[in-house]
N, C-alpha and C. Protein backbone atom coordinates (compact mmCIF):
# COMPACT_ATOMS: atom_id res chain seq x y z
N UNK A 1 20.81 41.37 -72.52
CA UNK A 1 22.08 41.74 -71.95
C UNK A 1 21.92 42.41 -70.59
N UNK A 2 20.89 43.28 -70.47
CA UNK A 2 20.63 43.98 -69.22
C UNK A 2 20.22 43.00 -68.12
N UNK A 3 19.41 42.00 -68.47
CA UNK A 3 18.96 41.00 -67.49
C UNK A 3 20.16 40.20 -66.99
N UNK A 4 21.06 39.81 -67.87
CA UNK A 4 22.26 39.08 -67.47
C UNK A 4 23.10 39.92 -66.50
N UNK A 5 23.27 41.21 -66.78
CA UNK A 5 24.05 42.10 -65.92
C UNK A 5 23.40 42.25 -64.53
N UNK A 6 22.07 42.42 -64.48
CA UNK A 6 21.36 42.57 -63.20
C UNK A 6 21.46 41.29 -62.38
N UNK A 7 21.30 40.13 -63.00
CA UNK A 7 21.40 38.86 -62.28
C UNK A 7 22.80 38.69 -61.69
N UNK A 8 23.83 39.00 -62.46
CA UNK A 8 25.20 38.89 -61.96
C UNK A 8 25.48 39.90 -60.85
N UNK A 9 24.92 41.10 -60.96
CA UNK A 9 25.09 42.13 -59.93
C UNK A 9 24.43 41.69 -58.62
N UNK A 10 23.22 41.13 -58.71
CA UNK A 10 22.52 40.64 -57.51
C UNK A 10 23.32 39.51 -56.87
N UNK A 11 23.81 38.59 -57.67
CA UNK A 11 24.62 37.48 -57.12
C UNK A 11 25.89 38.02 -56.46
N UNK A 12 26.54 38.99 -57.11
CA UNK A 12 27.75 39.57 -56.56
C UNK A 12 27.46 40.27 -55.22
N UNK A 13 26.38 41.04 -55.13
CA UNK A 13 26.03 41.74 -53.89
C UNK A 13 25.68 40.75 -52.77
N UNK A 14 24.97 39.70 -53.10
CA UNK A 14 24.65 38.68 -52.09
C UNK A 14 25.92 37.99 -51.58
N UNK A 15 26.83 37.67 -52.48
CA UNK A 15 28.08 37.04 -52.09
C UNK A 15 28.92 37.99 -51.23
N UNK A 16 28.97 39.26 -51.60
CA UNK A 16 29.72 40.26 -50.84
C UNK A 16 29.15 40.45 -49.44
N UNK A 17 27.81 40.54 -49.34
CA UNK A 17 27.19 40.73 -48.01
C UNK A 17 27.37 39.49 -47.14
N UNK A 18 27.30 38.29 -47.74
CA UNK A 18 27.49 37.07 -46.97
C UNK A 18 28.90 36.98 -46.41
N UNK A 19 29.90 37.31 -47.20
CA UNK A 19 31.28 37.26 -46.70
C UNK A 19 31.52 38.34 -45.65
N UNK A 20 30.87 39.49 -45.79
CA UNK A 20 31.00 40.54 -44.77
C UNK A 20 30.41 40.09 -43.45
N UNK A 21 29.21 39.49 -43.49
CA UNK A 21 28.57 39.03 -42.27
C UNK A 21 29.38 37.93 -41.59
N UNK A 22 29.90 37.02 -42.37
CA UNK A 22 30.70 35.93 -41.80
C UNK A 22 31.97 36.49 -41.16
N UNK A 23 32.62 37.41 -41.83
CA UNK A 23 33.83 38.02 -41.28
C UNK A 23 33.55 38.79 -40.01
N UNK A 24 32.46 39.56 -39.97
CA UNK A 24 32.13 40.33 -38.77
C UNK A 24 31.75 39.44 -37.61
N UNK A 25 31.01 38.37 -37.88
CA UNK A 25 30.61 37.48 -36.78
C UNK A 25 31.82 36.74 -36.23
N UNK A 26 32.81 36.46 -37.06
CA UNK A 26 34.02 35.79 -36.57
C UNK A 26 34.77 36.68 -35.59
N UNK A 27 34.91 37.94 -35.90
CA UNK A 27 35.64 38.85 -35.02
C UNK A 27 34.89 39.12 -33.72
N UNK A 28 33.57 39.10 -33.76
CA UNK A 28 32.79 39.38 -32.55
C UNK A 28 32.84 38.23 -31.55
N UNK A 29 33.12 37.01 -32.01
CA UNK A 29 33.08 35.87 -31.10
C UNK A 29 34.45 35.47 -30.56
N UNK A 30 35.47 36.28 -30.75
CA UNK A 30 36.80 35.94 -30.29
C UNK A 30 37.05 36.52 -28.91
N UNK A 31 36.17 36.36 -27.98
CA UNK A 31 36.34 36.87 -26.62
C UNK A 31 36.60 35.69 -25.70
N UNK A 32 37.73 35.68 -25.04
CA UNK A 32 38.11 34.53 -24.24
C UNK A 32 37.84 34.72 -22.76
N UNK A 33 37.92 35.94 -22.27
CA UNK A 33 37.77 36.18 -20.84
C UNK A 33 36.30 36.14 -20.44
N UNK A 34 36.07 35.75 -19.19
CA UNK A 34 34.73 35.79 -18.65
C UNK A 34 34.48 37.18 -18.10
N UNK A 35 33.34 37.75 -18.45
CA UNK A 35 33.01 39.09 -18.01
C UNK A 35 32.03 38.98 -16.86
N UNK A 36 32.52 39.10 -15.64
CA UNK A 36 31.68 39.02 -14.46
C UNK A 36 31.37 40.42 -13.98
N UNK A 37 30.13 40.62 -13.61
CA UNK A 37 29.76 41.91 -13.03
C UNK A 37 29.14 41.67 -11.67
N UNK A 38 29.18 42.68 -10.83
CA UNK A 38 28.65 42.59 -9.48
C UNK A 38 29.79 42.54 -8.49
N UNK A 39 29.57 43.09 -7.32
CA UNK A 39 30.61 43.11 -6.31
C UNK A 39 30.01 42.83 -4.94
N UNK A 40 30.66 41.98 -4.19
CA UNK A 40 30.15 41.62 -2.87
C UNK A 40 30.20 42.79 -1.91
N UNK A 41 31.26 43.58 -1.95
CA UNK A 41 31.46 44.63 -0.96
C UNK A 41 30.42 45.73 -1.06
N UNK A 42 29.73 45.84 -2.18
CA UNK A 42 28.69 46.86 -2.31
C UNK A 42 27.41 46.48 -1.58
N UNK A 43 27.24 45.22 -1.23
CA UNK A 43 25.98 44.75 -0.70
C UNK A 43 26.11 44.08 0.67
N UNK A 44 27.05 44.49 1.47
CA UNK A 44 27.25 43.87 2.79
C UNK A 44 27.06 44.92 3.88
N UNK A 45 26.28 44.54 4.90
CA UNK A 45 26.11 45.41 6.07
C UNK A 45 26.69 44.68 7.28
N UNK A 46 27.59 45.35 7.97
CA UNK A 46 28.22 44.76 9.15
C UNK A 46 27.59 45.38 10.39
N UNK A 47 27.13 44.54 11.32
CA UNK A 47 26.51 45.02 12.54
C UNK A 47 27.47 44.96 13.73
N UNK A 48 28.31 43.95 13.78
CA UNK A 48 29.23 43.73 14.90
C UNK A 48 30.64 43.46 14.36
N UNK A 49 31.30 44.48 13.86
CA UNK A 49 32.61 44.29 13.25
C UNK A 49 33.65 43.82 14.27
N UNK A 50 33.57 44.32 15.50
CA UNK A 50 34.57 43.96 16.51
C UNK A 50 34.55 42.46 16.83
N UNK A 51 33.39 41.84 16.82
CA UNK A 51 33.32 40.39 17.06
C UNK A 51 33.84 39.62 15.85
N UNK A 52 33.49 40.09 14.68
CA UNK A 52 33.91 39.42 13.46
C UNK A 52 35.41 39.59 13.22
N UNK A 53 35.95 40.70 13.66
CA UNK A 53 37.36 41.03 13.43
C UNK A 53 38.32 40.11 14.18
N UNK A 54 37.86 39.42 15.20
CA UNK A 54 38.72 38.52 15.97
C UNK A 54 39.05 37.24 15.22
N UNK A 55 38.19 36.89 14.24
CA UNK A 55 38.40 35.63 13.53
C UNK A 55 37.94 34.46 14.39
N UNK A 56 38.18 33.27 13.90
CA UNK A 56 37.79 32.08 14.65
C UNK A 56 37.37 30.95 13.74
N UNK A 57 36.75 29.96 14.33
CA UNK A 57 36.28 28.79 13.59
C UNK A 57 34.97 29.13 12.87
N UNK A 58 34.90 28.75 11.60
CA UNK A 58 33.78 29.15 10.75
C UNK A 58 33.17 27.92 10.09
N UNK A 59 31.86 27.83 10.15
CA UNK A 59 31.12 26.78 9.46
C UNK A 59 30.28 27.43 8.37
N UNK A 60 30.38 26.93 7.16
CA UNK A 60 29.57 27.45 6.05
C UNK A 60 28.52 26.39 5.71
N UNK A 61 27.27 26.74 5.93
CA UNK A 61 26.17 25.84 5.60
C UNK A 61 25.87 26.04 4.11
N UNK A 62 25.83 24.97 3.31
CA UNK A 62 25.53 25.14 1.88
C UNK A 62 24.23 25.92 1.69
N UNK A 63 24.25 26.85 0.76
CA UNK A 63 23.12 27.74 0.54
C UNK A 63 21.92 26.93 0.02
N UNK A 64 20.74 27.28 0.51
CA UNK A 64 19.52 26.57 0.14
C UNK A 64 18.76 27.36 -0.93
N UNK A 65 17.71 26.75 -1.44
CA UNK A 65 16.88 27.41 -2.45
C UNK A 65 16.01 28.46 -1.78
N UNK A 66 15.91 29.61 -2.40
CA UNK A 66 15.07 30.70 -1.89
C UNK A 66 13.60 30.44 -2.15
N UNK A 67 12.81 31.46 -1.89
CA UNK A 67 11.35 31.34 -1.96
C UNK A 67 10.83 30.93 -3.33
N UNK A 68 11.30 31.55 -4.39
CA UNK A 68 10.79 31.27 -5.74
C UNK A 68 11.79 30.49 -6.58
N UNK A 69 12.68 29.76 -5.93
CA UNK A 69 13.70 29.01 -6.64
C UNK A 69 13.45 27.52 -6.40
N UNK A 70 13.47 26.77 -7.48
CA UNK A 70 13.22 25.34 -7.39
C UNK A 70 14.50 24.59 -7.02
N UNK A 71 14.42 23.71 -6.06
CA UNK A 71 15.57 22.87 -5.69
C UNK A 71 15.87 21.90 -6.82
N UNK A 72 17.15 21.75 -7.12
CA UNK A 72 17.55 20.83 -8.18
C UNK A 72 19.00 20.43 -7.94
N UNK A 73 19.46 19.47 -8.72
CA UNK A 73 20.86 19.06 -8.64
C UNK A 73 21.78 20.20 -9.04
N UNK A 74 21.37 20.97 -10.06
CA UNK A 74 22.19 22.10 -10.50
C UNK A 74 22.31 23.14 -9.38
N UNK A 75 21.22 23.40 -8.68
CA UNK A 75 21.25 24.36 -7.58
C UNK A 75 22.16 23.85 -6.45
N UNK A 76 22.16 22.57 -6.19
CA UNK A 76 23.05 21.99 -5.18
C UNK A 76 24.52 22.16 -5.57
N UNK A 77 24.82 21.97 -6.86
CA UNK A 77 26.20 22.15 -7.33
C UNK A 77 26.63 23.61 -7.20
N UNK A 78 25.73 24.53 -7.53
CA UNK A 78 26.04 25.96 -7.40
C UNK A 78 26.30 26.29 -5.94
N UNK A 79 25.47 25.77 -5.06
CA UNK A 79 25.63 26.01 -3.62
C UNK A 79 26.97 25.49 -3.12
N UNK A 80 27.36 24.34 -3.56
CA UNK A 80 28.64 23.78 -3.13
C UNK A 80 29.83 24.55 -3.70
N UNK A 81 29.68 25.14 -4.90
CA UNK A 81 30.78 25.93 -5.44
C UNK A 81 30.93 27.24 -4.67
N UNK A 82 29.84 27.76 -4.10
CA UNK A 82 29.95 28.94 -3.23
C UNK A 82 30.80 28.58 -2.01
N UNK A 83 30.51 27.45 -1.41
CA UNK A 83 31.27 26.99 -0.24
C UNK A 83 32.73 26.75 -0.63
N UNK A 84 32.96 26.16 -1.81
CA UNK A 84 34.33 25.91 -2.26
C UNK A 84 35.09 27.22 -2.47
N UNK A 85 34.43 28.23 -3.01
CA UNK A 85 35.08 29.53 -3.19
C UNK A 85 35.52 30.13 -1.87
N UNK A 86 34.65 30.05 -0.86
CA UNK A 86 35.01 30.55 0.47
C UNK A 86 36.17 29.74 1.03
N UNK A 87 36.09 28.42 0.91
CA UNK A 87 37.13 27.55 1.45
C UNK A 87 38.48 27.79 0.80
N UNK A 88 38.49 28.01 -0.51
CA UNK A 88 39.76 28.24 -1.21
C UNK A 88 40.43 29.53 -0.76
N UNK A 89 39.65 30.57 -0.50
CA UNK A 89 40.23 31.83 -0.03
C UNK A 89 40.77 31.69 1.39
N UNK A 90 40.06 30.92 2.23
CA UNK A 90 40.46 30.76 3.63
C UNK A 90 41.37 29.55 3.86
N UNK A 91 41.88 28.94 2.80
CA UNK A 91 42.64 27.70 2.92
C UNK A 91 44.01 27.87 3.57
N UNK A 92 44.60 29.02 3.52
CA UNK A 92 45.92 29.24 4.10
C UNK A 92 45.87 29.04 5.61
N UNK A 93 46.83 28.32 6.16
CA UNK A 93 46.83 28.02 7.60
C UNK A 93 47.03 29.26 8.46
N UNK A 94 47.60 30.31 7.90
CA UNK A 94 47.84 31.53 8.66
C UNK A 94 46.64 32.47 8.67
N UNK A 95 45.53 32.06 8.07
CA UNK A 95 44.35 32.92 8.02
C UNK A 95 43.65 32.94 9.38
N UNK A 96 42.99 34.05 9.72
CA UNK A 96 42.31 34.17 11.02
C UNK A 96 41.04 33.32 11.12
N UNK A 97 40.48 32.92 9.99
CA UNK A 97 39.29 32.07 10.01
C UNK A 97 39.68 30.66 9.61
N UNK A 98 39.23 29.70 10.40
CA UNK A 98 39.48 28.30 10.08
C UNK A 98 38.15 27.67 9.72
N UNK A 99 38.08 27.10 8.54
CA UNK A 99 36.85 26.50 8.05
C UNK A 99 36.63 25.15 8.72
N UNK A 100 35.45 24.98 9.28
CA UNK A 100 35.10 23.75 9.99
C UNK A 100 34.19 22.89 9.11
N UNK A 101 34.14 21.60 9.43
CA UNK A 101 33.22 20.69 8.75
C UNK A 101 32.07 20.37 9.69
N UNK A 102 31.05 19.75 9.16
CA UNK A 102 29.84 19.47 9.95
C UNK A 102 30.13 18.67 11.22
N UNK A 103 31.17 17.84 11.22
CA UNK A 103 31.47 17.01 12.39
C UNK A 103 31.97 17.83 13.58
N UNK A 104 32.53 19.01 13.31
CA UNK A 104 33.11 19.83 14.38
C UNK A 104 32.22 21.02 14.75
N UNK A 105 30.92 20.83 14.73
CA UNK A 105 29.99 21.93 14.98
C UNK A 105 30.18 22.52 16.38
N UNK A 106 30.54 21.72 17.35
CA UNK A 106 30.70 22.21 18.72
C UNK A 106 31.82 23.23 18.85
N UNK A 107 32.83 23.17 17.99
CA UNK A 107 33.97 24.08 18.05
C UNK A 107 33.77 25.35 17.23
N UNK A 108 32.62 25.49 16.58
CA UNK A 108 32.39 26.59 15.66
C UNK A 108 32.06 27.88 16.40
N UNK A 109 32.67 28.98 15.96
CA UNK A 109 32.38 30.29 16.53
C UNK A 109 31.44 31.10 15.67
N UNK A 110 31.53 30.90 14.33
CA UNK A 110 30.69 31.64 13.38
C UNK A 110 30.07 30.69 12.37
N UNK A 111 28.90 31.08 11.87
CA UNK A 111 28.20 30.30 10.85
C UNK A 111 27.78 31.24 9.74
N UNK A 112 28.00 30.81 8.50
CA UNK A 112 27.46 31.53 7.35
C UNK A 112 26.30 30.72 6.80
N UNK A 113 25.13 31.34 6.78
CA UNK A 113 23.93 30.72 6.21
C UNK A 113 23.45 31.61 5.07
N UNK A 114 22.92 30.99 4.05
CA UNK A 114 22.42 31.79 2.94
C UNK A 114 21.45 31.02 2.09
N UNK A 115 20.90 31.74 1.13
CA UNK A 115 19.99 31.11 0.18
C UNK A 115 20.15 31.75 -1.18
N UNK A 116 19.89 30.96 -2.17
CA UNK A 116 19.94 31.43 -3.56
C UNK A 116 18.53 31.94 -3.87
N UNK A 117 18.42 33.24 -4.07
CA UNK A 117 17.10 33.86 -4.22
C UNK A 117 16.61 33.90 -5.67
N UNK A 118 17.54 33.87 -6.60
CA UNK A 118 17.14 33.88 -8.01
C UNK A 118 18.27 33.33 -8.85
N UNK A 119 17.89 32.54 -9.85
CA UNK A 119 18.85 31.99 -10.79
C UNK A 119 18.21 32.14 -12.17
N UNK A 120 18.85 32.93 -13.04
CA UNK A 120 18.24 33.27 -14.32
C UNK A 120 19.16 32.95 -15.48
N UNK A 121 18.52 32.55 -16.56
CA UNK A 121 19.23 32.37 -17.82
C UNK A 121 18.39 33.02 -18.90
N UNK A 122 18.96 34.01 -19.57
CA UNK A 122 18.24 34.71 -20.64
C UNK A 122 19.04 34.60 -21.92
N UNK A 123 18.34 34.33 -23.01
CA UNK A 123 18.99 34.33 -24.32
C UNK A 123 19.02 35.75 -24.83
N UNK A 124 20.19 36.19 -25.24
CA UNK A 124 20.30 37.53 -25.81
C UNK A 124 19.81 37.48 -27.25
N UNK A 125 19.58 38.66 -27.84
CA UNK A 125 19.14 38.68 -29.23
C UNK A 125 20.25 38.04 -30.08
N UNK A 126 19.90 37.00 -30.76
CA UNK A 126 20.88 36.19 -31.46
C UNK A 126 20.74 36.40 -32.96
N UNK A 127 21.84 36.66 -33.60
CA UNK A 127 21.87 36.75 -35.06
C UNK A 127 22.19 35.36 -35.58
N UNK A 128 21.57 34.95 -36.67
CA UNK A 128 21.73 33.57 -37.14
C UNK A 128 23.17 33.15 -37.41
N UNK A 129 24.04 34.07 -37.72
CA UNK A 129 25.41 33.71 -38.07
C UNK A 129 26.36 33.75 -36.88
N UNK A 130 25.88 34.13 -35.71
CA UNK A 130 26.74 34.18 -34.53
C UNK A 130 26.46 33.01 -33.60
N UNK A 131 27.45 32.69 -32.81
CA UNK A 131 27.27 31.64 -31.81
C UNK A 131 26.30 32.14 -30.74
N UNK A 132 25.54 31.22 -30.16
CA UNK A 132 24.57 31.61 -29.15
C UNK A 132 25.27 32.10 -27.89
N UNK A 133 24.82 33.22 -27.38
CA UNK A 133 25.32 33.74 -26.10
C UNK A 133 24.12 33.88 -25.19
N UNK A 134 24.29 33.48 -23.96
CA UNK A 134 23.22 33.60 -22.99
C UNK A 134 23.72 34.39 -21.80
N UNK A 135 22.80 35.04 -21.13
CA UNK A 135 23.15 35.82 -19.95
C UNK A 135 22.72 35.00 -18.73
N UNK A 136 23.70 34.75 -17.85
CA UNK A 136 23.44 34.01 -16.63
C UNK A 136 23.54 34.96 -15.45
N UNK A 137 22.55 34.94 -14.57
CA UNK A 137 22.54 35.79 -13.38
C UNK A 137 22.25 34.94 -12.16
N UNK A 138 22.97 35.22 -11.10
CA UNK A 138 22.82 34.49 -9.85
C UNK A 138 22.68 35.51 -8.72
N UNK A 139 21.66 35.34 -7.90
CA UNK A 139 21.36 36.23 -6.79
C UNK A 139 21.36 35.41 -5.49
N UNK A 140 22.13 35.84 -4.52
CA UNK A 140 22.15 35.17 -3.23
C UNK A 140 22.06 36.20 -2.10
N UNK A 141 21.59 35.75 -0.97
CA UNK A 141 21.62 36.57 0.23
C UNK A 141 21.93 35.66 1.40
N UNK A 142 22.54 36.23 2.42
CA UNK A 142 22.91 35.42 3.57
C UNK A 142 23.31 36.26 4.76
N UNK A 143 23.75 35.56 5.79
CA UNK A 143 24.16 36.24 7.01
C UNK A 143 25.28 35.47 7.69
N UNK A 144 26.03 36.21 8.49
CA UNK A 144 27.08 35.62 9.31
C UNK A 144 26.61 35.74 10.75
N UNK A 145 26.52 34.60 11.43
CA UNK A 145 26.02 34.55 12.80
C UNK A 145 27.11 34.15 13.77
N UNK A 146 27.04 34.69 14.98
CA UNK A 146 27.90 34.20 16.06
C UNK A 146 27.15 33.06 16.72
N UNK A 147 27.79 31.94 16.92
CA UNK A 147 27.10 30.74 17.41
C UNK A 147 26.65 30.89 18.86
N UNK A 148 27.52 31.38 19.74
CA UNK A 148 27.18 31.46 21.16
C UNK A 148 25.97 32.34 21.44
N UNK A 149 25.97 33.54 20.90
CA UNK A 149 24.88 34.48 21.19
C UNK A 149 23.77 34.44 20.15
N UNK A 150 23.96 33.71 19.08
CA UNK A 150 23.03 33.64 17.96
C UNK A 150 22.74 35.04 17.40
N UNK A 151 23.72 35.92 17.48
CA UNK A 151 23.59 37.29 17.02
C UNK A 151 24.05 37.40 15.58
N UNK A 152 23.31 38.19 14.79
CA UNK A 152 23.69 38.42 13.40
C UNK A 152 24.80 39.46 13.37
N UNK A 153 25.97 39.07 12.85
CA UNK A 153 27.11 39.98 12.78
C UNK A 153 27.15 40.75 11.47
N UNK A 154 26.66 40.14 10.39
CA UNK A 154 26.64 40.80 9.09
C UNK A 154 25.60 40.14 8.20
N UNK A 155 25.06 40.93 7.27
CA UNK A 155 24.15 40.41 6.25
C UNK A 155 24.70 40.84 4.90
N UNK A 156 24.47 39.99 3.91
CA UNK A 156 24.96 40.32 2.57
C UNK A 156 23.97 39.85 1.52
N UNK A 157 24.01 40.51 0.40
CA UNK A 157 23.30 40.07 -0.80
C UNK A 157 24.22 40.34 -1.98
N UNK A 158 24.33 39.37 -2.84
CA UNK A 158 25.25 39.46 -3.97
C UNK A 158 24.52 39.15 -5.26
N UNK A 159 24.96 39.79 -6.31
CA UNK A 159 24.44 39.53 -7.65
C UNK A 159 25.65 39.40 -8.57
N UNK A 160 25.68 38.35 -9.34
CA UNK A 160 26.74 38.16 -10.33
C UNK A 160 26.08 37.82 -11.66
N UNK A 161 26.65 38.35 -12.72
CA UNK A 161 26.12 38.15 -14.06
C UNK A 161 27.28 37.90 -15.02
N UNK A 162 27.05 37.03 -15.97
CA UNK A 162 28.02 36.81 -17.04
C UNK A 162 27.28 36.46 -18.31
N UNK A 163 27.94 36.62 -19.42
CA UNK A 163 27.35 36.28 -20.71
C UNK A 163 28.27 35.27 -21.37
N UNK A 164 27.79 34.07 -21.51
CA UNK A 164 28.61 32.98 -22.04
C UNK A 164 27.78 32.08 -22.95
N UNK A 165 28.47 31.17 -23.64
CA UNK A 165 27.81 30.21 -24.52
C UNK A 165 27.39 28.97 -23.75
N UNK A 166 28.09 28.66 -22.67
CA UNK A 166 27.78 27.44 -21.92
C UNK A 166 27.20 27.81 -20.56
N UNK A 167 26.63 26.84 -19.90
CA UNK A 167 26.05 27.06 -18.58
C UNK A 167 27.17 27.42 -17.61
N UNK A 168 27.04 28.57 -16.95
CA UNK A 168 28.12 29.05 -16.11
C UNK A 168 27.67 29.43 -14.71
N UNK A 169 26.59 28.86 -14.20
CA UNK A 169 26.12 29.18 -12.85
C UNK A 169 27.14 28.76 -11.79
N UNK A 170 27.79 27.64 -12.01
CA UNK A 170 28.79 27.18 -11.03
C UNK A 170 29.96 28.16 -10.94
N UNK A 171 30.38 28.70 -12.07
CA UNK A 171 31.44 29.71 -12.06
C UNK A 171 31.02 30.96 -11.31
N UNK A 172 29.78 31.36 -11.48
CA UNK A 172 29.28 32.53 -10.74
C UNK A 172 29.26 32.24 -9.24
N UNK A 173 28.83 31.04 -8.86
CA UNK A 173 28.80 30.66 -7.45
C UNK A 173 30.19 30.66 -6.84
N UNK A 174 31.16 30.14 -7.58
CA UNK A 174 32.53 30.11 -7.08
C UNK A 174 33.07 31.53 -6.88
N UNK A 175 32.81 32.41 -7.85
CA UNK A 175 33.26 33.80 -7.74
C UNK A 175 32.62 34.49 -6.54
N UNK A 176 31.35 34.18 -6.27
CA UNK A 176 30.68 34.75 -5.10
C UNK A 176 31.33 34.25 -3.81
N UNK A 177 31.62 32.97 -3.76
CA UNK A 177 32.27 32.41 -2.58
C UNK A 177 33.62 33.06 -2.33
N UNK A 178 34.38 33.28 -3.39
CA UNK A 178 35.67 33.95 -3.23
C UNK A 178 35.50 35.36 -2.67
N UNK A 179 34.49 36.08 -3.13
CA UNK A 179 34.27 37.44 -2.63
C UNK A 179 33.85 37.43 -1.16
N UNK A 180 33.04 36.46 -0.76
CA UNK A 180 32.66 36.36 0.65
C UNK A 180 33.89 36.06 1.49
N UNK A 181 34.74 35.16 1.02
CA UNK A 181 35.98 34.84 1.74
C UNK A 181 36.90 36.05 1.85
N UNK A 182 37.05 36.79 0.77
CA UNK A 182 37.89 38.00 0.82
C UNK A 182 37.30 39.04 1.75
N UNK A 183 35.97 39.15 1.77
CA UNK A 183 35.33 40.08 2.69
C UNK A 183 35.66 39.73 4.14
N UNK A 184 35.59 38.44 4.46
CA UNK A 184 35.90 38.01 5.83
C UNK A 184 37.34 38.41 6.20
N UNK A 185 38.25 38.24 5.27
CA UNK A 185 39.65 38.58 5.55
C UNK A 185 39.85 40.09 5.74
N UNK A 186 39.06 40.91 5.06
CA UNK A 186 39.19 42.36 5.21
C UNK A 186 38.65 42.87 6.53
N UNK A 187 37.77 42.09 7.17
CA UNK A 187 37.19 42.54 8.45
C UNK A 187 38.12 42.29 9.63
N UNK A 188 39.12 41.46 9.44
CA UNK A 188 39.98 41.06 10.54
C UNK A 188 41.00 42.17 10.81
N UNK A 189 41.10 42.56 12.08
CA UNK A 189 42.11 43.56 12.45
C UNK A 189 43.44 42.87 12.72
N UNK A 190 44.48 43.47 12.24
CA UNK A 190 45.80 42.86 12.43
C UNK A 190 46.65 43.73 13.31
């Protein structure tokens, strides 16, 4: 009789703990928003604000691979999403900066050049009953140059991090591009 009671108690405790773990893991994975960290304005140094404040024609060269970063199709897509983020912020016709394309290089007053210095994906400690979450980090640095004098007007370095289930480097690149575009708009005197 005692053996029967102990076996049933063990089965009951296993069933109870399994339902508790399943219930807790369900509540932990109901996060819909993307949690981005890092801010562009914390990592920008302006050398010639008065020249940058006038606005003008701007060419954004797609960011290249940094020293320890391997060139790949994924890196090219991330680089283009950075450019798209900048372009989307500066898309309004009333903005002081007009984004130029490669064909109009002669009319360009400013150039943004940059490189992706690090691209990381780390798996967080994963419990078997939870969905996989990975930490994505993107590091870029660049500069804003005046074309005529070839003078560096500003330098920046940005870091963005998010924790998601799917590959999200392109989203990080787009968010960085938006911050660079917003930074440009804040430098303009009105």
